[in-house]
PDB file of N, CA and C in Angstrom:
ATOM      1  N   UNK A   1      -1.633 -21.048  -3.338  1.00  0.00           N
ATOM      2  CA  UNK A   1      -2.029 -19.879  -4.048  1.00  0.00           C
ATOM      3  C   UNK A   1      -2.880 -19.162  -3.668  1.00  0.00           C
ATOM      4  N   UNK A   2      -3.017 -17.620  -3.753  1.00  0.00           N
ATOM      5  CA  UNK A   2      -3.146 -16.840  -3.338  1.00  0.00           C
ATOM      6  C   UNK A   2      -5.134 -16.313  -2.782  1.00  0.00           C
ATOM      7  N   UNK A   3      -5.878 -16.350  -1.831  1.00  0.00           N
ATOM      8  CA  UNK A   3      -6.716 -15.884  -1.479  1.00  0.00           C
ATOM      9  C   UNK A   3      -7.439 -15.061  -2.308  1.00  0.00           C
ATOM     10  N   UNK A   4      -8.206 -15.804  -2.799  1.00  0.00           N
ATOM     11  CA  UNK A   4      -9.352 -15.103  -4.365  1.00  0.00           C
ATOM     12  C   UNK A   4      -8.868 -13.191  -3.665  1.00  0.00           C
ATOM     13  N   UNK A   5      -9.451 -12.707  -3.241  1.00  0.00           N
ATOM     14  CA  UNK A   5      -9.725 -11.193  -2.557  1.00  0.00           C
ATOM     15  C   UNK A   5      -7.912 -10.955  -2.708  1.00  0.00           C
ATOM     16  N   UNK A   6      -7.076 -11.782  -2.491  1.00  0.00           N
ATOM     17  CA  UNK A   6      -5.619 -11.088  -3.237  1.00  0.00           C
ATOM     18  C   UNK A   6      -5.009 -11.015  -3.892  1.00  0.00           C
ATOM     19  N   UNK A   7      -5.610 -12.032  -4.497  1.00  0.00           N
ATOM     20  CA  UNK A   7      -5.898 -12.267  -5.986  1.00  0.00           C
ATOM     21  C   UNK A   7      -5.567 -11.388  -7.052  1.00  0.00           C
ATOM     22  N   UNK A   8      -7.193 -10.791  -6.694  1.00  0.00           N
ATOM     23  CA  UNK A   8      -7.585  -9.670  -7.622  1.00  0.00           C
ATOM     24  C   UNK A   8      -7.069  -8.088  -7.025  1.00  0.00           C
ATOM     25  N   UNK A   9      -6.965  -7.946  -5.915  1.00  0.00           N
ATOM     26  CA  UNK A   9      -6.152  -6.832  -5.208  1.00  0.00           C
ATOM     27  C   UNK A   9      -4.607  -7.231  -6.354  1.00  0.00           C
ATOM     28  N   UNK A  10      -3.994  -7.988  -6.545  1.00  0.00           N
ATOM     29  CA  UNK A  10      -2.667  -8.306  -6.675  1.00  0.00           C
ATOM     30  C   UNK A  10      -3.186  -7.260  -8.124  1.00  0.00           C
ATOM     31  N   UNK A  11      -3.956  -8.528  -8.871  1.00  0.00           N
ATOM     32  CA  UNK A  11      -4.528  -7.844 -10.422  1.00  0.00           C
ATOM     33  C   UNK A  11      -4.747  -6.662 -10.734  1.00  0.00           C
ATOM     34  N   UNK A  12      -5.503  -6.172  -9.910  1.00  0.00           N
ATOM     35  CA  UNK A  12      -6.102  -4.465 -10.205  1.00  0.00           C
ATOM     36  C   UNK A  12      -4.553  -3.874 -10.010  1.00  0.00           C
ATOM     37  N   UNK A  13      -3.965  -4.102  -9.372  1.00  0.00           N
ATOM     38  CA  UNK A  13      -2.443  -3.382  -9.224  1.00  0.00           C
ATOM     39  C   UNK A  13      -1.627  -3.398  -9.741  1.00  0.00           C
ATOM     40  N   UNK A  14      -1.359  -4.936 -10.775  1.00  0.00           N
ATOM     41  CA  UNK A  14      -0.079  -4.847 -11.593  1.00  0.00           C
ATOM     42  C   UNK A  14      -0.727  -4.291 -12.866  1.00  0.00           C
ATOM     43  N   UNK A  15      -1.801  -5.112 -13.069  1.00  0.00           N
ATOM     44  CA  UNK A  15      -1.943  -4.002 -14.105  1.00  0.00           C
ATOM     45  C   UNK A  15      -1.737  -2.249 -14.539  1.00  0.00           C
ATOM     46  N   UNK A  16      -2.056  -1.725 -13.446  1.00  0.00           N
ATOM     47  CA  UNK A  16      -1.891  -0.609 -13.642  1.00  0.00           C
ATOM     48  C   UNK A  16      -0.450  -0.474 -14.182  1.00  0.00           C
ATOM     49  N   UNK A  17       0.455  -0.974 -14.063  1.00  0.00           N
ATOM     50  CA  UNK A  17       2.052  -0.909 -13.778  1.00  0.00           C
ATOM     51  C   UNK A  17       2.712  -0.754 -15.252  1.00  0.00           C
ATOM     52  N   UNK A  18       3.544   0.450 -15.331  1.00  0.00           N
ATOM     53  CA  UNK A  18       3.875  -0.305 -17.108  1.00  0.00           C
ATOM     54  C   UNK A  18       5.003  -1.078 -17.398  1.00  0.00           C
ATOM     55  N   UNK A  19       5.294  -1.802 -17.858  1.00  0.00           N
ATOM     56  CA  UNK A  19       6.576  -2.861 -18.020  1.00  0.00           C
ATOM     57  C   UNK A  19       7.781  -2.552 -17.636  1.00  0.00           C
ATOM     58  N   UNK A  20       8.206  -1.729 -17.565  1.00  0.00           N
ATOM     59  CA  UNK A  20       9.394  -1.577 -16.875  1.00  0.00           C
ATOM     60  C   UNK A  20       9.422  -1.745 -15.233  1.00  0.00           C
ATOM     61  N   UNK A  21       8.400  -0.760 -14.615  1.00  0.00           N
ATOM     62  CA  UNK A  21       8.122  -1.189 -13.245  1.00  0.00           C
ATOM     63  C   UNK A  21       8.026  -2.995 -12.635  1.00  0.00           C
ATOM     64  N   UNK A  22       7.097  -3.525 -13.714  1.00  0.00           N
ATOM     65  CA  UNK A  22       6.570  -4.839 -13.611  1.00  0.00           C
ATOM     66  C   UNK A  22       7.902  -5.505 -13.630  1.00  0.00           C
ATOM     67  N   UNK A  23       8.751  -5.303 -14.203  1.00  0.00           N
ATOM     68  CA  UNK A  23      10.170  -6.097 -14.040  1.00  0.00           C
ATOM     69  C   UNK A  23      10.929  -5.861 -13.088  1.00  0.00           C
ATOM     70  N   UNK A  24      11.127  -4.531 -12.475  1.00  0.00           N
ATOM     71  CA  UNK A  24      11.486  -4.214 -11.327  1.00  0.00           C
ATOM     72  C   UNK A  24      10.938  -4.775  -9.914  1.00  0.00           C
ATOM     73  N   UNK A  25       9.262  -4.868 -10.172  1.00  0.00           N
ATOM     74  CA  UNK A  25       8.565  -6.001  -9.059  1.00  0.00           C
ATOM     75  C   UNK A  25       8.888  -7.181  -9.216  1.00  0.00           C
ATOM     76  N   UNK A  26       9.222  -7.696 -10.404  1.00  0.00           N
ATOM     77  CA  UNK A  26       9.369  -9.374 -10.867  1.00  0.00           C
ATOM     78  C   UNK A  26      10.954  -9.729 -10.545  1.00  0.00           C
ATOM     79  N   UNK A  27      11.589  -8.577 -10.015  1.00  0.00           N
ATOM     80  CA  UNK A  27      12.674  -8.930 -10.183  1.00  0.00           C
ATOM     81  C   UNK A  27      13.137  -8.557  -8.318  1.00  0.00           C
ATOM     82  N   UNK A  28      12.798  -8.672  -7.919  1.00  0.00           N
ATOM     83  CA  UNK A  28      12.123  -7.933  -6.441  1.00  0.00           C
ATOM     84  C   UNK A  28      12.037  -9.306  -5.727  1.00  0.00           C
ATOM     85  N   UNK A  29      10.680 -10.262  -6.543  1.00  0.00           N
ATOM     86  CA  UNK A  29      10.062 -11.025  -6.243  1.00  0.00           C
ATOM     87  C   UNK A  29      10.862 -12.604  -6.365  1.00  0.00           C
ATOM     88  N   UNK A  30      11.836 -12.291  -6.852  1.00  0.00           N
ATOM     89  CA  UNK A  30      12.300 -13.360  -7.582  1.00  0.00           C
ATOM     90  C   UNK A  30      13.934 -13.449  -6.270  1.00  0.00           C
ATOM     91  N   UNK A  31      13.979 -11.909  -6.431  1.00  0.00           N
ATOM     92  CA  UNK A  31      15.347 -12.288  -5.501  1.00  0.00           C
ATOM     93  C   UNK A  31      14.852 -12.184  -3.898  1.00  0.00           C
ATOM     94  N   UNK A  32      13.550 -12.607  -3.728  1.00  0.00           N
ATOM     95  CA  UNK A  32      13.141 -13.083  -2.206  1.00  0.00           C
ATOM     96  C   UNK A  32      13.008 -14.013  -1.921  1.00  0.00           C
ATOM     97  N   UNK A  33      12.403 -14.421  -3.018  1.00  0.00           N
ATOM     98  CA  UNK A  33      12.202 -16.568  -2.883  1.00  0.00           C
ATOM     99  C   UNK A  33      13.464 -16.748  -3.445  1.00  0.00           C
ATOM    100  N   UNK A  34      14.371 -16.571  -3.991  1.00  0.00           N
ATOM    101  CA  UNK A  34      15.483 -16.977  -3.811  1.00  0.00           C
ATOM    102  C   UNK A  34      17.009 -17.126  -3.074  1.00  0.00           C
ATOM    103  N   UNK A  35      16.526 -16.002  -2.200  1.00  0.00           N
ATOM    104  CA  UNK A  35      16.416 -15.601  -0.416  1.00  0.00           C
ATOM    105  C   UNK A  35      16.718 -16.521   0.283  1.00  0.00           C
ATOM    106  N   UNK A  36      14.936 -17.060   0.274  1.00  0.00           N
ATOM    107  CA  UNK A  36      14.335 -17.652   0.746  1.00  0.00           C
ATOM    108  C   UNK A  36      14.241 -18.645   0.940  1.00  0.00           C
ATOM    109  N   UNK A  37      14.609 -19.386  -0.439  1.00  0.00           N
ATOM    110  CA  UNK A  37      15.150 -20.642  -0.780  1.00  0.00           C
ATOM    111  C   UNK A  37      16.334 -21.021   0.121  1.00  0.00           C
ATOM    112  N   UNK A  38      17.411 -20.141  -0.795  1.00  0.00           N
ATOM    113  CA  UNK A  38      19.238 -20.211  -0.135  1.00  0.00           C
ATOM    114  C   UNK A  38      19.725 -18.693   0.747  1.00  0.00           C
ATOM    115  N   UNK A  39      18.975 -19.171   1.592  1.00  0.00           N
ATOM    116  CA  UNK A  39      19.529 -17.566   2.146  1.00  0.00           C
ATOM    117  C   UNK A  39      21.492 -17.545   2.185  1.00  0.00           C
ATOM    118  N   UNK A  40      22.297 -18.179   1.433  1.00  0.00           N
ATOM    119  CA  UNK A  40      23.587 -17.850   1.433  1.00  0.00           C
ATOM    120  C   UNK A  40      23.975 -16.941   0.629  1.00  0.00           C
ATOM    121  N   UNK A  41      24.927 -16.175   1.281  1.00  0.00           N
ATOM    122  CA  UNK A  41      25.832 -15.206   0.524  1.00  0.00           C
ATOM    123  C   UNK A  41      25.876 -15.369  -1.079  1.00  0.00           C
ATOM    124  N   UNK A  42      25.846 -14.359  -1.766  1.00  0.00           N
ATOM    125  CA  UNK A  42      26.787 -14.297  -3.436  1.00  0.00           C
ATOM    126  C   UNK A  42      27.488 -14.695  -2.863  1.00  0.00           C
ATOM    127  N   UNK A  43      28.417 -14.766  -3.648  1.00  0.00           N
ATOM    128  CA  UNK A  43      29.493 -14.453  -4.176  1.00  0.00           C
ATOM    129  C   UNK A  43      30.037 -13.641  -5.068  1.00  0.00           C
ATOM    130  N   UNK A  44      31.185 -12.874  -5.145  1.00  0.00           N
ATOM    131  CA  UNK A  44      31.755 -11.271  -5.638  1.00  0.00           C
ATOM    132  C   UNK A  44      31.904 -11.448  -6.847  1.00  0.00           C
ATOM    133  N   UNK A  45      31.298 -12.534  -7.421  1.00  0.00           N
ATOM    134  CA  UNK A  45      31.352 -12.272  -9.639  1.00  0.00           C
ATOM    135  C   UNK A  45      30.070 -12.179  -9.277  1.00  0.00           C
ATOM    136  N   UNK A  46      28.918 -13.094  -8.583  1.00  0.00           N
ATOM    137  CA  UNK A  46      27.872 -12.833  -9.122  1.00  0.00           C
ATOM    138  C   UNK A  46      27.463 -10.970  -7.856  1.00  0.00           C
ATOM    139  N   UNK A  47      27.282 -11.050  -7.204  1.00  0.00           N
ATOM    140  CA  UNK A  47      27.515  -9.418  -6.597  1.00  0.00           C
ATOM    141  C   UNK A  47      27.857  -8.092  -7.675  1.00  0.00           C
ATOM    142  N   UNK A  48      28.997  -8.400  -7.874  1.00  0.00           N
ATOM    143  CA  UNK A  48      29.532  -7.357  -9.544  1.00  0.00           C
ATOM    144  C   UNK A  48      28.543  -7.543  -9.994  1.00  0.00           C
ATOM    145  N   UNK A  49      28.110  -9.642 -10.490  1.00  0.00           N
ATOM    146  CA  UNK A  49      27.355  -8.794 -11.668  1.00  0.00           C
ATOM    147  C   UNK A  49      26.225  -8.039 -11.697  1.00  0.00           C
ATOM    148  N   UNK A  50      25.421  -8.342 -10.051  1.00  0.00           N
ATOM    149  CA  UNK A  50      24.158  -7.603 -10.452  1.00  0.00           C
ATOM    150  C   UNK A  50      24.407  -5.987 -10.581  1.00  0.00           C
ATOM    151  N   UNK A  51      25.215  -5.416  -9.801  1.00  0.00           N
ATOM    152  CA  UNK A  51      25.561  -4.557  -9.452  1.00  0.00           C
ATOM    153  C   UNK A  51      25.845  -3.756 -11.188  1.00  0.00           C
ATOM    154  N   UNK A  52      26.608  -4.410 -11.500  1.00  0.00           N
ATOM    155  CA  UNK A  52      26.486  -3.556 -13.419  1.00  0.00           C
ATOM    156  C   UNK A  52      25.399  -3.547 -13.940  1.00  0.00           C
ATOM    157  N   UNK A  53      24.493  -4.874 -13.932  1.00  0.00           N
ATOM    158  CA  UNK A  53      23.066  -4.959 -14.557  1.00  0.00           C
ATOM    159  C   UNK A  53      22.002  -3.801 -14.145  1.00  0.00           C
ATOM    160  N   UNK A  54      22.635  -3.802 -12.756  1.00  0.00           N
ATOM    161  CA  UNK A  54      21.572  -2.369 -11.966  1.00  0.00           C
ATOM    162  C   UNK A  54      21.982  -0.958 -13.015  1.00  0.00           C
ATOM    163  N   UNK A  55      23.165  -0.829 -13.066  1.00  0.00           N
ATOM    164  CA  UNK A  55      24.360  -0.106 -13.674  1.00  0.00           C
ATOM    165  C   UNK A  55      24.035   0.726 -14.724  1.00  0.00           C
ATOM    166  N   UNK A  56      22.921  -0.592 -16.088  1.00  0.00           N
ATOM    167  CA  UNK A  56      23.486  -0.529 -17.613  1.00  0.00           C
ATOM    168  C   UNK A  56      21.625  -0.279 -17.032  1.00  0.00           C
ATOM    169  N   UNK A  57      21.012  -0.718 -16.716  1.00  0.00           N
ATOM    170  CA  UNK A  57      19.324  -0.490 -16.093  1.00  0.00           C
ATOM    171  C   UNK A  57      19.602   0.815 -16.120  1.00  0.00           C
ATOM    172  N   UNK A  58      20.804   1.133 -15.223  1.00  0.00           N
ATOM    173  CA  UNK A  58      19.686   3.076 -14.735  1.00  0.00           C
ATOM    174  C   UNK A  58      20.460   3.906 -16.330  1.00  0.00           C
ATOM    175  N   UNK A  59      21.417   3.076 -16.805  1.00  0.00           N
ATOM    176  CA  UNK A  59      22.083   4.372 -17.517  1.00  0.00           C
ATOM    177  C   UNK A  59      20.902   4.717 -19.151  1.00  0.00           C
ATOM    178  N   UNK A  60      20.398   3.650 -18.628  1.00  0.00           N
ATOM    179  CA  UNK A  60      19.262   3.039 -20.540  1.00  0.00           C
ATOM    180  C   UNK A  60      18.295   3.487 -19.898  1.00  0.00           C
ATOM    181  N   UNK A  61      17.708   4.471 -18.939  1.00  0.00           N
ATOM    182  CA  UNK A  61      16.589   4.927 -18.262  1.00  0.00           C
ATOM    183  C   UNK A  61      16.175   4.264 -17.826  1.00  0.00           C
ATOM    184  N   UNK A  62      16.314   2.839 -17.258  1.00  0.00           N
ATOM    185  CA  UNK A  62      14.786   2.354 -16.675  1.00  0.00           C
ATOM    186  C   UNK A  62      15.131   2.627 -15.570  1.00  0.00           C
ATOM    187  N   UNK A  63      14.806   3.631 -14.897  1.00  0.00           N
ATOM    188  CA  UNK A  63      15.433   4.228 -13.460  1.00  0.00           C
ATOM    189  C   UNK A  63      14.046   5.036 -13.194  1.00  0.00           C
ATOM    190  N   UNK A  64      13.884   5.236 -12.068  1.00  0.00           N
ATOM    191  CA  UNK A  64      13.215   6.874 -11.502  1.00  0.00           C
ATOM    192  C   UNK A  64      13.517   7.085 -10.266  1.00  0.00           C
ATOM    193  N   UNK A  65      13.731   8.302 -10.411  1.00  0.00           N
ATOM    194  CA  UNK A  65      14.210   9.996  -9.514  1.00  0.00           C
ATOM    195  C   UNK A  65      12.758   9.825  -8.223  1.00  0.00           C
ATOM    196  N   UNK A  66      13.859  10.238  -7.106  1.00  0.00           N
ATOM    197  CA  UNK A  66      13.644  10.045  -6.427  1.00  0.00           C
ATOM    198  C   UNK A  66      12.268  10.975  -5.664  1.00  0.00           C
ATOM    199  N   UNK A  67      11.931  12.003  -7.129  1.00  0.00           N
ATOM    200  CA  UNK A  67      10.614  12.821  -6.784  1.00  0.00           C
ATOM    201  C   UNK A  67       9.469  12.452  -7.482  1.00  0.00           C
ATOM    202  N   UNK A  68      10.345  11.302  -8.767  1.00  0.00           N
ATOM    203  CA  UNK A  68       9.024  10.197  -9.290  1.00  0.00           C
ATOM    204  C   UNK A  68       8.528   9.242  -8.666  1.00  0.00           C
ATOM    205  N   UNK A  69       9.197   8.807  -7.442  1.00  0.00           N
ATOM    206  CA  UNK A  69       9.194   6.983  -6.740  1.00  0.00           C
ATOM    207  C   UNK A  69       7.582   8.376  -5.926  1.00  0.00           C
ATOM    208  N   UNK A  70       8.429   9.178  -5.468  1.00  0.00           N
ATOM    209  CA  UNK A  70       7.433  10.741  -4.438  1.00  0.00           C
ATOM    210  C   UNK A  70       6.239  10.135  -4.645  1.00  0.00           C
ATOM    211  N   UNK A  71       5.818  10.699  -6.219  1.00  0.00           N
ATOM    212  CA  UNK A  71       4.566  11.083  -7.085  1.00  0.00           C
ATOM    213  C   UNK A  71       3.513   9.585  -6.550  1.00  0.00           C
ATOM    214  N   UNK A  72       4.651   8.936  -7.602  1.00  0.00           N
ATOM    215  CA  UNK A  72       3.812   7.718  -7.987  1.00  0.00           C
ATOM    216  C   UNK A  72       3.876   6.396  -6.365  1.00  0.00           C
ATOM    217  N   UNK A  73       3.947   7.017  -5.311  1.00  0.00           N
ATOM    218  CA  UNK A  73       3.835   6.525  -3.911  1.00  0.00           C
ATOM    219  C   UNK A  73       2.147   7.040  -3.568  1.00  0.00           C
ATOM    220  N   UNK A  74       2.119   8.289  -3.799  1.00  0.00           N
ATOM    221  CA  UNK A  74       0.531   9.406  -3.246  1.00  0.00           C
ATOM    222  C   UNK A  74      -0.571   8.048  -4.026  1.00  0.00           C
ATOM    223  N   UNK A  75       0.343   7.751  -5.059  1.00  0.00           N
ATOM    224  CA  UNK A  75      -1.287   7.037  -5.451  1.00  0.00           C
ATOM    225  C   UNK A  75      -1.513   5.512  -5.449  1.00  0.00           C
ATOM    226  N   UNK A  76      -0.481   5.534  -4.786  1.00  0.00           N
ATOM    227  CA  UNK A  76      -0.958   3.687  -4.713  1.00  0.00           C
ATOM    228  C   UNK A  76      -1.710   3.558  -3.337  1.00  0.00           C
TER     229      UNK A  76
END
């Protein structure tokens, strides 16, 4: 459990994110935890699946340009 101040800070920033941003961060968190729990390399099929999934998200417009990310970062 996060200390109360960390929990509040996390909630403050989380509430400012769009659904796409939240999904992206959740994916990062899941992958981080998965790697901590099982640091084994993924197989080529899983790797290709994840690449195809990422390409699909980009093609669906669920991504940000470098300029957009820089602008967002200035607001953090």
